[in-house]
Protein backbone atom coordinates (compact mmCIF):
# COMPACT_ATOMS: atom_id res chain seq x y z
CA MET A 1 -1.39 19.98 6.09
CA SER A 2 -2.29 17.34 8.68
CA ILE A 3 -0.09 14.45 9.79
CA ILE A 4 -1.56 11.07 8.88
CA VAL A 5 1.30 8.71 9.82
CA GLU A 6 3.84 9.17 12.59
CA LEU A 7 6.42 6.60 13.65
CA LYS A 8 8.22 7.38 16.91
CA ASP A 9 11.38 5.43 17.85
CA ILE A 10 10.10 2.25 16.22
CA GLU A 11 12.19 -0.85 16.86
CA LYS A 12 11.57 -4.40 15.76
CA HIS A 13 13.58 -7.35 17.01
CA PHE A 14 13.49 -10.96 15.91
CA GLY A 15 15.43 -12.69 18.66
CA ASP A 16 18.93 -11.21 18.57
CA VAL A 17 18.34 -9.62 15.16
CA THR A 18 17.35 -5.95 15.01
CA ALA A 19 15.25 -5.42 11.87
CA LEU A 20 14.31 -1.80 12.61
CA ASP A 21 16.34 0.47 14.85
CA GLY A 22 14.97 3.80 16.07
CA ILE A 23 12.75 4.67 13.10
CA ASN A 24 11.20 8.16 13.19
CA ILE A 25 9.04 9.12 10.20
CA THR A 26 6.25 11.67 9.78
CA ILE A 27 4.01 11.59 6.68
CA ASN A 28 1.45 14.26 5.84
CA SER A 29 -2.00 13.64 4.41
CA GLY A 30 -1.89 13.71 0.62
CA GLU A 31 1.86 13.14 0.46
CA TRP A 32 3.61 10.52 -1.67
CA VAL A 33 6.54 8.98 0.19
CA SER A 34 8.80 6.39 -1.43
CA ILE A 35 10.70 4.02 0.86
CA MET A 36 13.79 2.52 -0.72
CA GLY A 37 16.81 0.48 0.29
CA PRO A 38 18.65 -2.75 -0.48
CA SER A 39 17.36 -6.22 0.34
CA GLY A 40 17.58 -6.83 4.06
CA SER A 41 17.31 -3.14 4.91
CA GLY A 42 14.03 -3.56 6.81
CA LYS A 43 11.56 -2.43 4.14
CA THR A 44 9.31 -5.48 4.45
CA THR A 45 9.31 -5.28 8.23
CA LEU A 46 8.38 -1.60 8.03
CA LEU A 47 5.62 -2.43 5.51
CA ASN A 48 4.17 -5.02 7.88
CA ILE A 49 4.05 -2.51 10.73
CA LEU A 50 2.58 0.27 8.57
CA SER A 51 -0.12 -2.11 7.29
CA LEU A 52 -0.94 -3.33 10.83
CA MET A 53 -0.02 -6.88 9.87
CA ASP A 54 2.67 -6.81 12.57
CA THR A 55 3.51 -4.69 15.60
CA SER A 56 6.77 -3.11 16.66
CA THR A 57 8.80 -4.35 19.62
CA SER A 58 8.86 -0.81 20.97
CA GLY A 59 7.94 2.71 19.92
CA GLU A 60 4.69 4.30 18.78
CA TYR A 61 2.82 4.11 15.47
CA LEU A 62 0.23 6.87 15.26
CA LEU A 63 -2.26 6.50 12.43
CA GLU A 64 -4.46 9.57 12.14
CA GLY A 65 -3.55 10.32 15.74
CA VAL A 66 -4.53 6.88 17.06
CA ASP A 67 -1.82 4.73 18.65
CA ALA A 68 -2.19 1.65 16.46
CA SER A 69 0.11 -0.39 18.70
CA LYS A 70 -2.52 -0.25 21.46
CA LEU A 71 -5.38 -1.58 19.33
CA ASP A 72 -6.42 -5.18 19.86
CA GLU A 73 -6.48 -7.62 16.95
CA LYS A 74 -10.10 -6.93 16.01
CA GLN A 75 -9.61 -3.16 16.20
CA GLN A 76 -6.48 -3.41 14.04
CA LEU A 77 -8.40 -5.42 11.44
CA ILE A 78 -11.16 -2.80 11.29
CA PHE A 79 -8.66 0.05 11.15
CA ARG A 80 -6.75 -1.65 8.33
CA ARG A 81 -9.91 -2.23 6.30
CA GLU A 82 -11.11 1.35 6.71
CA LYS A 83 -7.86 3.32 6.53
CA ILE A 84 -5.43 1.38 4.32
CA GLY A 85 -5.57 0.07 0.76
CA LEU A 86 -2.89 -2.56 0.09
CA VAL A 87 -1.26 -3.20 -3.29
CA PHE A 88 1.20 -6.09 -3.49
CA GLN A 89 3.84 -7.20 -5.98
CA GLN A 90 2.14 -10.61 -6.02
CA PHE A 91 -1.40 -9.89 -7.12
CA HIS A 92 -3.27 -12.27 -4.74
CA LEU A 93 -6.31 -12.35 -7.00
CA ILE A 94 -8.90 -15.14 -6.77
CA PRO A 95 -8.39 -17.05 -10.04
CA TYR A 96 -11.95 -18.36 -10.45
CA LEU A 97 -13.57 -14.93 -9.91
CA ASN A 98 -13.79 -12.31 -12.63
CA ALA A 99 -12.49 -8.75 -12.23
CA LEU A 100 -15.76 -7.37 -10.91
CA GLU A 101 -16.18 -10.23 -8.45
CA ASN A 102 -12.60 -9.82 -7.14
CA VAL A 103 -13.36 -6.20 -6.29
CA MET A 104 -16.76 -7.01 -4.81
CA LEU A 105 -15.17 -9.68 -2.61
CA SER A 106 -13.09 -6.96 -0.99
CA GLN A 107 -16.29 -4.99 -0.39
CA TYR A 108 -17.87 -8.04 1.23
CA TYR A 109 -15.12 -8.31 3.83
CA HIS A 110 -15.43 -4.60 4.61
CA SER A 111 -19.15 -3.95 4.87
CA THR A 112 -21.75 -4.27 2.12
CA VAL A 113 -21.45 -5.22 -1.53
CA ASP A 114 -22.31 -2.58 -4.13
CA GLU A 115 -21.85 -3.63 -7.74
CA GLU A 116 -22.04 -0.08 -9.10
CA ASP A 117 -19.30 1.10 -6.73
CA ALA A 118 -17.15 -1.85 -7.83
CA LYS A 119 -17.73 -0.98 -11.49
CA GLU A 120 -16.77 2.63 -10.76
CA ALA A 121 -13.51 1.52 -9.11
CA LEU A 122 -12.66 -0.57 -12.16
CA LYS A 123 -13.53 2.37 -14.42
CA LYS A 124 -11.12 4.56 -12.46
CA VAL A 125 -8.24 2.19 -13.27
CA GLY A 126 -9.25 1.74 -16.90
CA LEU A 127 -10.79 -1.72 -16.69
CA SER A 128 -14.44 -1.04 -17.57
CA HIS A 129 -14.05 -3.30 -20.60
CA ARG A 130 -12.66 -6.19 -18.51
CA LEU A 131 -15.39 -6.65 -15.89
CA THR A 132 -16.12 -10.28 -16.72
CA HIS A 133 -12.53 -11.38 -17.40
CA ARG A 134 -10.78 -13.69 -14.96
CA PRO A 135 -7.19 -12.90 -13.83
CA SER A 136 -5.72 -15.44 -16.26
CA GLU A 137 -7.35 -13.50 -19.11
CA LEU A 138 -5.73 -10.22 -18.06
CA SER A 139 -2.22 -8.94 -18.77
CA GLY A 140 0.19 -8.32 -15.89
CA GLY A 141 -0.52 -4.61 -16.02
CA GLU A 142 -4.26 -5.20 -16.02
CA GLN A 143 -3.96 -7.55 -13.05
CA GLN A 144 -2.05 -4.89 -11.11
CA ARG A 145 -4.65 -2.26 -12.00
CA LEU A 146 -7.30 -4.69 -10.77
CA CYS A 147 -5.39 -4.93 -7.48
CA ILE A 148 -5.38 -1.14 -7.23
CA ALA A 149 -9.15 -1.04 -7.87
CA ARG A 150 -9.57 -3.59 -5.09
CA ALA A 151 -7.44 -1.41 -2.79
CA LEU A 152 -9.52 1.66 -3.63
CA ILE A 153 -12.98 0.14 -3.23
CA ASN A 154 -13.38 1.08 0.43
CA ASP A 155 -12.04 4.62 -0.13
CA PRO A 156 -9.00 4.31 2.18
CA ASP A 157 -7.00 7.34 3.29
CA ILE A 158 -3.68 5.60 2.58
CA ILE A 159 -2.52 3.52 -0.38
CA LEU A 160 0.34 1.28 0.75
CA ALA A 161 2.09 -0.37 -2.19
CA ASP A 162 4.80 -3.03 -1.99
CA GLU A 163 6.89 -3.22 -5.19
CA PRO A 164 3.80 -2.51 -7.34
CA THR A 165 5.77 -2.63 -10.60
CA GLY A 166 8.04 -5.54 -9.68
CA ASN A 167 6.40 -8.04 -12.06
CA LEU A 168 5.64 -5.66 -14.93
CA ASP A 169 7.31 -4.79 -18.22
CA GLU A 170 8.28 -1.19 -19.01
CA GLU A 171 5.04 -0.28 -20.78
CA ASN A 172 2.85 -1.55 -17.96
CA GLU A 173 5.13 0.08 -15.38
CA ARG A 174 4.40 3.46 -16.92
CA GLY A 175 0.69 2.82 -16.75
CA ILE A 176 0.98 2.21 -13.01
CA TYR A 177 3.09 5.38 -12.62
CA GLU A 178 0.33 7.42 -14.21
CA LEU A 179 -2.33 5.79 -12.05
CA PHE A 180 -0.46 6.56 -8.84
CA LYS A 181 0.09 10.16 -9.95
CA LYS A 182 -3.65 10.45 -10.59
CA LEU A 183 -4.45 9.07 -7.12
CA LYS A 184 -2.11 11.58 -5.52
CA LYS A 185 -3.85 14.43 -7.35
CA GLU A 186 -7.11 13.14 -5.88
CA GLY A 187 -5.66 13.58 -2.39
CA LYS A 188 -4.68 10.04 -1.47
CA THR A 189 -1.66 9.49 0.76
CA ILE A 190 0.67 7.11 -1.03
CA ILE A 191 3.45 5.08 0.56
CA VAL A 192 5.42 3.03 -1.95
CA ILE A 193 8.11 0.52 -1.04
CA THR A 194 10.20 -0.10 -4.12
CA HIS A 195 13.57 -0.93 -5.68
CA ASN A 196 12.49 0.95 -8.82
CA ASN A 197 14.36 4.27 -8.94
CA GLU A 198 12.03 5.77 -11.54
CA LEU A 199 8.94 4.99 -9.46
CA GLY A 200 10.63 6.10 -6.25
CA GLU A 201 11.59 9.46 -7.71
CA LEU A 202 7.95 10.26 -8.50
CA GLY A 203 7.35 10.70 -4.77
CA ASP A 204 7.46 13.96 -2.86
CA ARG A 205 10.18 12.40 -0.71
CA ILE A 206 12.40 9.35 -0.72
CA ILE A 207 13.22 7.74 2.61
CA TYR A 208 16.16 5.34 2.55
CA LEU A 209 16.59 2.38 4.88
CA HIS A 210 19.93 0.71 5.47
CA HIS A 211 20.40 -2.17 7.93
CA GLY A 212 17.21 -1.19 9.72
CA LYS A 213 18.16 2.44 10.17
CA LEU A 214 17.08 5.55 8.36
CA GLY A 215 19.49 6.89 5.81
CA LYS A 216 19.31 10.19 3.98
CA HIS A 217 15.97 11.76 3.09
CA ILE A 218 15.51 13.45 -0.29
């Protein structure tokens, strides 16, 4: 099994505040890793580094063997588009576009637009019957599945999800659980940052953060 993500002695400082302190994590391709911890533990900071939306103060972040910290801004943007699919707690959907158009917009920013590929992504998350519905016409669970379809459209190696069930009721939570389990079976690497114990325990491993430091691994 190949290593897809490796963090080596990652530190992140904001002035005198240390948000991450000596983080060492290795994640294998096809693995589901859940990252958990209380508010203020450094989860969001770690998410921003993993997603290439921020860089560490020191240490190395190797993504498929490439030192991401040494990429310039344009290279990071390309790497993020090609390697990482992002799923957020806040859906960040374009309200005046329908489901199909929201997915195709993500294609547009990556390379070329392909309506059939977008339809296939929506089919994969169970939204074939909602292609022409705008976000306001979708339930919370459907909006989150739309976000996952958008994350999948460019066939990324890694799905990075930030509290993906945070705004959902219990029934819709379970639908997202099943979808993530399906994606793992298909070989995707899944990194989930969550407060949800049930979701976290679905992972192959749980990594705990506490005051910016690694706690126990399960």
